[in-house]
Amino acid sequence: MKVHAAAPPEEEEEEELVDPMDSIRQECVEKHCANFLEKLNECNDRKFSNTSNKMRNLQIRIVTSGRSLEGK
């Protein structure tokens, strides 16, 4: 009597699991947050576009702080 070994079961390929929160987050960024991010970037670009704006802001802060000290 011959005994035959059973063939090893074929390995099933597992599907890669996808976190649904990742797709929801990406969809939210693309649909809702993109407009806000664009406006924020426009404001930051405008504010920090050149050094004269930075210098003017610094001068305004210095003058404003000096006035508040003189009033006391």
PDB file of N, CA and C in Angstrom:
ATOM      1  N   MET A   1       0.825  -1.160   0.000  1.00  0.00           N
ATOM      2  CA  MET A   1       0.000   0.000   0.000  1.00  0.00           C
ATOM      3  C   MET A   1       0.887   1.246   0.000  1.00  0.00           C
ATOM      4  N   LYS A   2       0.596   2.123  -0.930  1.00  0.00           N
ATOM      5  CA  LYS A   2       1.372   3.353  -1.034  1.00  0.00           C
ATOM      6  C   LYS A   2       0.599   4.486  -0.361  1.00  0.00           C
ATOM      7  N   VAL A   3       1.344   5.311   0.328  1.00  0.00           N
ATOM      8  CA  VAL A   3       0.734   6.476   0.975  1.00  0.00           C
ATOM      9  C   VAL A   3       1.243   7.707   0.235  1.00  0.00           C
ATOM     10  N   HIS A   4       0.328   8.467  -0.226  1.00  0.00           N
ATOM     11  CA  HIS A   4       0.701   9.698  -0.932  1.00  0.00           C
ATOM     12  C   HIS A   4       0.468  10.887   0.007  1.00  0.00           C
ATOM     13  N   ALA A   5       1.461  11.763   0.010  1.00  0.00           N
ATOM     14  CA  ALA A   5       1.305  12.981   0.818  1.00  0.00           C
ATOM     15  C   ALA A   5       0.324  13.906   0.120  1.00  0.00           C
ATOM     16  N   ALA A   6      -0.500  14.530   0.907  1.00  0.00           N
ATOM     17  CA  ALA A   6      -1.478  15.461   0.342  1.00  0.00           C
ATOM     18  C   ALA A   6      -0.742  16.681  -0.189  1.00  0.00           C
ATOM     19  N   ALA A   7      -1.191  17.173  -1.309  1.00  0.00           N
ATOM     20  CA  ALA A   7      -0.571  18.372  -1.889  1.00  0.00           C
ATOM     21  C   ALA A   7      -0.837  19.547  -0.954  1.00  0.00           C
ATOM     22  N   PRO A   8       0.176  20.376  -0.781  1.00  0.00           N
ATOM     23  CA  PRO A   8      -0.031  21.541   0.097  1.00  0.00           C
ATOM     24  C   PRO A   8      -1.114  22.441  -0.484  1.00  0.00           C
ATOM     25  N   PRO A   9      -1.933  23.007   0.379  1.00  0.00           N
ATOM     26  CA  PRO A   9      -2.999  23.882  -0.133  1.00  0.00           C
ATOM     27  C   PRO A   9      -2.386  25.105  -0.824  1.00  0.00           C
ATOM     28  N   GLU A  10      -3.025  25.516  -1.890  1.00  0.00           N
ATOM     29  CA  GLU A  10      -2.523  26.690  -2.601  1.00  0.00           C
ATOM     30  C   GLU A  10      -2.709  27.915  -1.712  1.00  0.00           C
ATOM     31  N   GLU A  11      -1.680  28.743  -1.732  1.00  0.00           N
ATOM     32  CA  GLU A  11      -1.745  29.955  -0.904  1.00  0.00           C
ATOM     33  C   GLU A  11      -2.662  30.970  -1.572  1.00  0.00           C
ATOM     34  N   GLU A  12      -3.555  31.484  -0.795  1.00  0.00           N
ATOM     35  CA  GLU A  12      -4.446  32.508  -1.316  1.00  0.00           C
ATOM     36  C   GLU A  12      -3.769  33.862  -1.149  1.00  0.00           C
ATOM     37  N   GLU A  13      -3.844  34.651  -2.192  1.00  0.00           N
ATOM     38  CA  GLU A  13      -3.277  35.988  -2.088  1.00  0.00           C
ATOM     39  C   GLU A  13      -4.242  36.854  -1.297  1.00  0.00           C
ATOM     40  N   GLU A  14      -3.687  37.518  -0.299  1.00  0.00           N
ATOM     41  CA  GLU A  14      -4.529  38.377   0.528  1.00  0.00           C
ATOM     42  C   GLU A  14      -4.640  39.743  -0.120  1.00  0.00           C
ATOM     43  N   GLU A  15      -5.838  40.268  -0.089  1.00  0.00           N
ATOM     44  CA  GLU A  15      -6.048  41.607  -0.597  1.00  0.00           C
ATOM     45  C   GLU A  15      -5.483  42.596   0.398  1.00  0.00           C
ATOM     46  N   GLU A  16      -4.838  43.635  -0.124  1.00  0.00           N
ATOM     47  CA  GLU A  16      -4.292  44.653   0.768  1.00  0.00           C
ATOM     48  C   GLU A  16      -5.455  45.465   1.335  1.00  0.00           C
ATOM     49  N   LEU A  17      -5.485  45.561   2.630  1.00  0.00           N
ATOM     50  CA  LEU A  17      -6.557  46.300   3.288  1.00  0.00           C
ATOM     51  C   LEU A  17      -6.314  47.797   3.137  1.00  0.00           C
ATOM     52  N   VAL A  18      -7.375  48.521   2.906  1.00  0.00           N
ATOM     53  CA  VAL A  18      -7.299  49.967   2.734  1.00  0.00           C
ATOM     54  C   VAL A  18      -8.120  50.607   3.836  1.00  0.00           C
ATOM     55  N   ASP A  19      -7.506  51.537   4.526  1.00  0.00           N
ATOM     56  CA  ASP A  19      -8.209  52.251   5.591  1.00  0.00           C
ATOM     57  C   ASP A  19      -9.179  53.244   4.956  1.00  0.00           C
ATOM     58  N   PRO A  20     -10.470  53.131   5.205  1.00  0.00           N
ATOM     59  CA  PRO A  20     -11.435  54.049   4.592  1.00  0.00           C
ATOM     60  C   PRO A  20     -11.236  55.494   5.045  1.00  0.00           C
ATOM     61  N   MET A  21     -10.665  55.687   6.218  1.00  0.00           N
ATOM     62  CA  MET A  21     -10.433  57.051   6.705  1.00  0.00           C
ATOM     63  C   MET A  21      -9.442  57.797   5.821  1.00  0.00           C
ATOM     64  N   ASP A  22      -8.474  57.088   5.246  1.00  0.00           N
ATOM     65  CA  ASP A  22      -7.508  57.729   4.352  1.00  0.00           C
ATOM     66  C   ASP A  22      -8.204  58.317   3.136  1.00  0.00           C
ATOM     67  N   SER A  23      -9.112  57.560   2.543  1.00  0.00           N
ATOM     68  CA  SER A  23      -9.805  58.068   1.355  1.00  0.00           C
ATOM     69  C   SER A  23     -10.752  59.211   1.718  1.00  0.00           C
ATOM     70  N   ILE A  24     -11.385  59.132   2.870  1.00  0.00           N
ATOM     71  CA  ILE A  24     -12.272  60.212   3.313  1.00  0.00           C
ATOM     72  C   ILE A  24     -11.472  61.484   3.560  1.00  0.00           C
ATOM     73  N   ARG A  25     -10.331  61.339   4.210  1.00  0.00           N
ATOM     74  CA  ARG A  25      -9.476  62.483   4.492  1.00  0.00           C
ATOM     75  C   ARG A  25      -8.998  63.134   3.195  1.00  0.00           C
ATOM     76  N   GLN A  26      -8.559  62.330   2.240  1.00  0.00           N
ATOM     77  CA  GLN A  26      -8.074  62.851   0.966  1.00  0.00           C
ATOM     78  C   GLN A  26      -9.180  63.571   0.215  1.00  0.00           C
ATOM     79  N   GLU A  27     -10.373  62.999   0.217  1.00  0.00           N
ATOM     80  CA  GLU A  27     -11.517  63.622  -0.447  1.00  0.00           C
ATOM     81  C   GLU A  27     -11.845  64.970   0.197  1.00  0.00           C
ATOM     82  N   CYS A  28     -11.788  65.027   1.497  1.00  0.00           N
ATOM     83  CA  CYS A  28     -12.068  66.273   2.216  1.00  0.00           C
ATOM     84  C   CYS A  28     -11.048  67.348   1.859  1.00  0.00           C
ATOM     85  N   VAL A  29      -9.784  66.959   1.814  1.00  0.00           N
ATOM     86  CA  VAL A  29      -8.724  67.918   1.469  1.00  0.00           C
ATOM     87  C   VAL A  29      -8.955  68.466   0.071  1.00  0.00           C
ATOM     88  N   GLU A  30      -9.276  67.587  -0.867  1.00  0.00           N
ATOM     89  CA  GLU A  30      -9.451  68.013  -2.250  1.00  0.00           C
ATOM     90  C   GLU A  30     -10.686  68.875  -2.450  1.00  0.00           C
ATOM     91  N   LYS A  31     -11.773  68.556  -1.763  1.00  0.00           N
ATOM     92  CA  LYS A  31     -13.027  69.271  -1.998  1.00  0.00           C
ATOM     93  C   LYS A  31     -13.206  70.495  -1.116  1.00  0.00           C
ATOM     94  N   HIS A  32     -12.912  70.363   0.160  1.00  0.00           N
ATOM     95  CA  HIS A  32     -13.266  71.422   1.108  1.00  0.00           C
ATOM     96  C   HIS A  32     -12.084  72.305   1.508  1.00  0.00           C
ATOM     97  N   CYS A  33     -10.981  71.705   1.798  1.00  0.00           N
ATOM     98  CA  CYS A  33      -9.856  72.448   2.349  1.00  0.00           C
ATOM     99  C   CYS A  33      -9.021  73.155   1.292  1.00  0.00           C
ATOM    100  N   ALA A  34      -9.112  72.735   0.054  1.00  0.00           N
ATOM    101  CA  ALA A  34      -8.279  73.316  -1.001  1.00  0.00           C
ATOM    102  C   ALA A  34      -8.540  74.808  -1.146  1.00  0.00           C
ATOM    103  N   ASN A  35      -9.799  75.233  -1.072  1.00  0.00           N
ATOM    104  CA  ASN A  35     -10.120  76.657  -1.204  1.00  0.00           C
ATOM    105  C   ASN A  35      -9.524  77.465  -0.063  1.00  0.00           C
ATOM    106  N   PHE A  36      -9.628  76.948   1.150  1.00  0.00           N
ATOM    107  CA  PHE A  36      -9.082  77.663   2.294  1.00  0.00           C
ATOM    108  C   PHE A  36      -7.557  77.732   2.229  1.00  0.00           C
ATOM    109  N   LEU A  37      -6.938  76.648   1.831  1.00  0.00           N
ATOM    110  CA  LEU A  37      -5.484  76.628   1.719  1.00  0.00           C
ATOM    111  C   LEU A  37      -5.018  77.599   0.643  1.00  0.00           C
ATOM    112  N   GLU A  38      -5.723  77.669  -0.459  1.00  0.00           N
ATOM    113  CA  GLU A  38      -5.371  78.596  -1.527  1.00  0.00           C
ATOM    114  C   GLU A  38      -5.457  80.040  -1.039  1.00  0.00           C
ATOM    115  N   LYS A  39      -6.524  80.375  -0.321  1.00  0.00           N
ATOM    116  CA  LYS A  39      -6.681  81.741   0.204  1.00  0.00           C
ATOM    117  C   LYS A  39      -5.588  82.059   1.235  1.00  0.00           C
ATOM    118  N   LEU A  40      -5.275  81.093   2.086  1.00  0.00           N
ATOM    119  CA  LEU A  40      -4.214  81.304   3.071  1.00  0.00           C
ATOM    120  C   LEU A  40      -2.889  81.561   2.380  1.00  0.00           C
ATOM    121  N   ASN A  41      -2.579  80.778   1.367  1.00  0.00           N
ATOM    122  CA  ASN A  41      -1.328  80.973   0.637  1.00  0.00           C
ATOM    123  C   ASN A  41      -1.285  82.323  -0.064  1.00  0.00           C
ATOM    124  N   GLU A  42      -2.410  82.763  -0.633  1.00  0.00           N
ATOM    125  CA  GLU A  42      -2.471  84.082  -1.266  1.00  0.00           C
ATOM    126  C   GLU A  42      -2.194  85.179  -0.249  1.00  0.00           C
ATOM    127  N   CYS A  43      -2.803  85.078   0.916  1.00  0.00           N
ATOM    128  CA  CYS A  43      -2.588  86.082   1.964  1.00  0.00           C
ATOM    129  C   CYS A  43      -1.137  86.097   2.422  1.00  0.00           C
ATOM    130  N   ASN A  44      -0.585  84.917   2.647  1.00  0.00           N
ATOM    131  CA  ASN A  44       0.813  84.850   3.081  1.00  0.00           C
ATOM    132  C   ASN A  44       1.755  85.379   2.009  1.00  0.00           C
ATOM    133  N   ASP A  45       1.481  85.053   0.754  1.00  0.00           N
ATOM    134  CA  ASP A  45       2.325  85.556  -0.336  1.00  0.00           C
ATOM    135  C   ASP A  45       2.259  87.070  -0.401  1.00  0.00           C
ATOM    136  N   ARG A  46       1.068  87.604  -0.256  1.00  0.00           N
ATOM    137  CA  ARG A  46       0.897  89.057  -0.318  1.00  0.00           C
ATOM    138  C   ARG A  46       1.590  89.728   0.868  1.00  0.00           C
ATOM    139  N   LYS A  47       1.443  89.164   2.041  1.00  0.00           N
ATOM    140  CA  LYS A  47       2.023  89.770   3.238  1.00  0.00           C
ATOM    141  C   LYS A  47       3.545  89.711   3.221  1.00  0.00           C
ATOM    142  N   PHE A  48       4.090  88.572   2.806  1.00  0.00           N
ATOM    143  CA  PHE A  48       5.535  88.392   2.854  1.00  0.00           C
ATOM    144  C   PHE A  48       6.180  88.485   1.474  1.00  0.00           C
ATOM    145  N   SER A  49       5.528  89.186   0.543  1.00  0.00           N
ATOM    146  CA  SER A  49       6.007  89.214  -0.834  1.00  0.00           C
ATOM    147  C   SER A  49       7.334  89.957  -0.981  1.00  0.00           C
ATOM    148  N   ASN A  50       7.542  90.980  -0.202  1.00  0.00           N
ATOM    149  CA  ASN A  50       8.815  91.697  -0.338  1.00  0.00           C
ATOM    150  C   ASN A  50       9.271  92.229   1.005  1.00  0.00           C
ATOM    151  N   THR A  51      10.510  92.637   1.052  1.00  0.00           N
ATOM    152  CA  THR A  51      11.084  93.090   2.326  1.00  0.00           C
ATOM    153  C   THR A  51      10.530  94.437   2.754  1.00  0.00           C
ATOM    154  N   SER A  52      10.033  95.247   1.795  1.00  0.00           N
ATOM    155  CA  SER A  52       9.498  96.546   2.198  1.00  0.00           C
ATOM    156  C   SER A  52       8.259  96.364   3.075  1.00  0.00           C
ATOM    157  N   ASN A  53       7.443  95.361   2.785  1.00  0.00           N
ATOM    158  CA  ASN A  53       6.285  95.078   3.643  1.00  0.00           C
ATOM    159  C   ASN A  53       6.744  94.682   5.035  1.00  0.00           C
ATOM    160  N   LYS A  54       7.768  93.844   5.107  1.00  0.00           N
ATOM    161  CA  LYS A  54       8.281  93.425   6.407  1.00  0.00           C
ATOM    162  C   LYS A  54       8.816  94.628   7.174  1.00  0.00           C
ATOM    163  N   MET A  55       9.539  95.497   6.469  1.00  0.00           N
ATOM    164  CA  MET A  55      10.112  96.671   7.118  1.00  0.00           C
ATOM    165  C   MET A  55       9.005  97.612   7.582  1.00  0.00           C
ATOM    166  N   ARG A  56       7.985  97.809   6.742  1.00  0.00           N
ATOM    167  CA  ARG A  56       6.873  98.687   7.098  1.00  0.00           C
ATOM    168  C   ARG A  56       6.130  98.132   8.314  1.00  0.00           C
ATOM    169  N   ASN A  57       5.916  96.816   8.362  1.00  0.00           N
ATOM    170  CA  ASN A  57       5.260  96.214   9.520  1.00  0.00           C
ATOM    171  C   ASN A  57       6.091  96.406  10.777  1.00  0.00           C
ATOM    172  N   LEU A  58       7.391  96.265  10.658  1.00  0.00           N
ATOM    173  CA  LEU A  58       8.272  96.468  11.800  1.00  0.00           C
ATOM    174  C   LEU A  58       8.211  97.916  12.273  1.00  0.00           C
ATOM    175  N   GLN A  59       8.222  98.867  11.324  1.00  0.00           N
ATOM    176  CA  GLN A  59       8.148 100.279  11.693  1.00  0.00           C
ATOM    177  C   GLN A  59       6.828 100.602  12.376  1.00  0.00           C
ATOM    178  N   ILE A  60       5.742 100.035  11.884  1.00  0.00           N
ATOM    179  CA  ILE A  60       4.433 100.276  12.490  1.00  0.00           C
ATOM    180  C   ILE A  60       4.420  99.750  13.919  1.00  0.00           C
ATOM    181  N   ARG A  61       4.993  98.579  14.136  1.00  0.00           N
ATOM    182  CA  ARG A  61       5.034  98.019  15.494  1.00  0.00           C
ATOM    183  C   ARG A  61       5.869  98.884  16.423  1.00  0.00           C
ATOM    184  N   ILE A  62       6.994  99.383  15.921  1.00  0.00           N
ATOM    185  CA  ILE A  62       7.863 100.218  16.759  1.00  0.00           C
ATOM    186  C   ILE A  62       7.148 101.511  17.118  1.00  0.00           C
ATOM    187  N   VAL A  63       6.537 102.164  16.126  1.00  0.00           N
ATOM    188  CA  VAL A  63       5.836 103.426  16.365  1.00  0.00           C
ATOM    189  C   VAL A  63       4.655 103.194  17.302  1.00  0.00           C
ATOM    190  N   THR A  64       3.907 102.142  17.074  1.00  0.00           N
ATOM    191  CA  THR A  64       2.745 101.847  17.907  1.00  0.00           C
ATOM    192  C   THR A  64       3.152 101.562  19.346  1.00  0.00           C
ATOM    193  N   SER A  65       4.216 100.812  19.518  1.00  0.00           N
ATOM    194  CA  SER A  65       4.649 100.508  20.887  1.00  0.00           C
ATOM    195  C   SER A  65       5.193 101.763  21.563  1.00  0.00           C
ATOM    196  N   GLY A  66       5.822 102.643  20.818  1.00  0.00           N
ATOM    197  CA  GLY A  66       6.311 103.901  21.390  1.00  0.00           C
ATOM    198  C   GLY A  66       5.194 104.797  21.843  1.00  0.00           C
ATOM    199  N   ARG A  67       4.120 104.857  21.062  1.00  0.00           N
ATOM    200  CA  ARG A  67       2.964 105.679  21.443  1.00  0.00           C
ATOM    201  C   ARG A  67       2.300 105.165  22.700  1.00  0.00           C
ATOM    202  N   SER A  68       2.206 103.852  22.818  1.00  0.00           N
ATOM    203  CA  SER A  68       1.547 103.313  23.999  1.00  0.00           C
ATOM    204  C   SER A  68       2.365 103.578  25.242  1.00  0.00           C
ATOM    205  N   LEU A  69       3.698 103.645  25.101  1.00  0.00           N
ATOM    206  CA  LEU A  69       4.539 103.959  26.253  1.00  0.00           C
ATOM    207  C   LEU A  69       4.447 105.427  26.636  1.00  0.00           C
ATOM    208  N   GLU A  70       4.333 106.307  25.634  1.00  0.00           N
ATOM    209  CA  GLU A  70       4.238 107.742  25.914  1.00  0.00           C
ATOM    210  C   GLU A  70       2.938 108.106  26.618  1.00  0.00           C
ATOM    211  N   GLY A  71       1.867 107.387  26.327  1.00  0.00           N
ATOM    212  CA  GLY A  71       0.563 107.680  26.907  1.00  0.00           C
ATOM    213  C   GLY A  71       0.480 107.309  28.369  1.00  0.00           C
ATOM    214  N   LYS A  72       1.400 106.519  28.879  1.00  0.00           N
ATOM    215  CA  LYS A  72       1.318 106.069  30.274  1.00  0.00           C
ATOM    216  C   LYS A  72       1.929 107.056  31.216  1.00  0.00           C
TER     217      LYS A  72
END
